[in-house]
């Protein structure tokens, strides 16, 4: 029997969220995002501290 064709590897989705976390509403959004990530794996994320009014991180332009 010939081998089955290999399916291409799936890349994880890459999503950037710029959320100002100094207020309760934004923290609630993050809690909902974490709940979704835990239920719909595989996801990975990184939360970076950023002050209010700062420019977007340089890696966002990549």
Protein backbone atom coordinates (compact mmCIF):
# COMPACT_ATOMS: atom_id res chain seq x y z
CA UNK A 1 0.00 0.00 0.00
CA UNK A 2 1.52 3.43 -0.90
CA UNK A 3 2.10 5.89 1.95
CA UNK A 4 -0.52 8.55 2.57
CA UNK A 5 0.37 12.07 1.48
CA UNK A 6 1.55 14.28 4.33
CA UNK A 7 -0.64 17.17 5.30
CA UNK A 8 1.15 20.50 5.59
CA UNK A 9 1.91 21.54 9.16
CA UNK A 10 -0.57 24.06 10.53
CA UNK A 11 0.83 27.25 11.90
CA UNK A 12 -0.55 28.65 15.09
CA UNK A 13 -2.57 31.81 14.58
CA UNK A 14 -0.67 34.99 15.37
CA UNK A 15 -2.77 37.76 16.84
CA UNK A 16 -1.59 41.02 18.40
CA UNK A 17 -3.81 42.61 21.03
CA UNK A 18 -2.86 46.02 22.34
CA UNK A 19 -4.92 46.36 25.49
CA UNK A 20 -4.33 49.04 28.10
CA UNK A 21 -4.56 47.06 31.34
CA UNK A 22 -4.85 49.74 34.01
CA UNK A 23 -8.65 49.55 34.20
CA UNK A 24 -11.09 46.83 35.23
CA UNK A 25 -12.80 46.60 31.83
CA UNK A 26 -9.53 45.80 30.05
CA UNK A 27 -8.56 43.25 32.69
CA UNK A 28 -11.95 41.59 32.17
CA UNK A 29 -11.23 41.39 28.44
CA UNK A 30 -7.93 39.66 29.19
CA UNK A 31 -9.65 37.19 31.52
CA UNK A 32 -12.06 36.29 28.71
CA UNK A 33 -9.18 35.86 26.26
CA UNK A 34 -7.35 33.55 28.69
CA UNK A 35 -10.52 31.49 29.17
CA UNK A 36 -10.89 31.13 25.39
CA UNK A 37 -7.24 30.14 24.98
CA UNK A 38 -7.57 27.45 27.64
CA UNK A 39 -10.64 25.98 25.95
CA UNK A 40 -9.41 26.20 22.32
CA UNK A 41 -5.81 25.05 22.32
CA UNK A 42 -3.14 25.29 20.94
CA UNK A 43 -2.53 28.98 21.45
CA UNK A 44 0.39 30.83 22.90
CA UNK A 45 0.54 34.43 23.93
CA UNK A 46 2.78 36.98 25.55
CA UNK A 47 1.54 39.91 27.59
CA UNK A 48 3.86 42.88 27.51
CA UNK A 49 3.55 45.83 29.87
CA UNK A 50 2.99 49.07 28.03
CA UNK A 51 2.06 52.46 29.40
CA UNK A 52 -0.93 54.51 28.36
CA UNK A 53 -0.26 56.56 25.24
CA UNK A 54 2.97 54.77 24.30
CA UNK A 55 3.73 53.97 20.68
CA UNK A 56 3.00 50.42 19.49
CA UNK A 57 5.89 47.98 20.00
CA UNK A 58 8.43 47.88 17.14
CA UNK A 59 7.82 44.19 16.45
CA UNK A 60 4.24 44.98 15.39
CA UNK A 61 5.48 46.42 12.08
CA UNK A 62 7.10 43.09 11.14
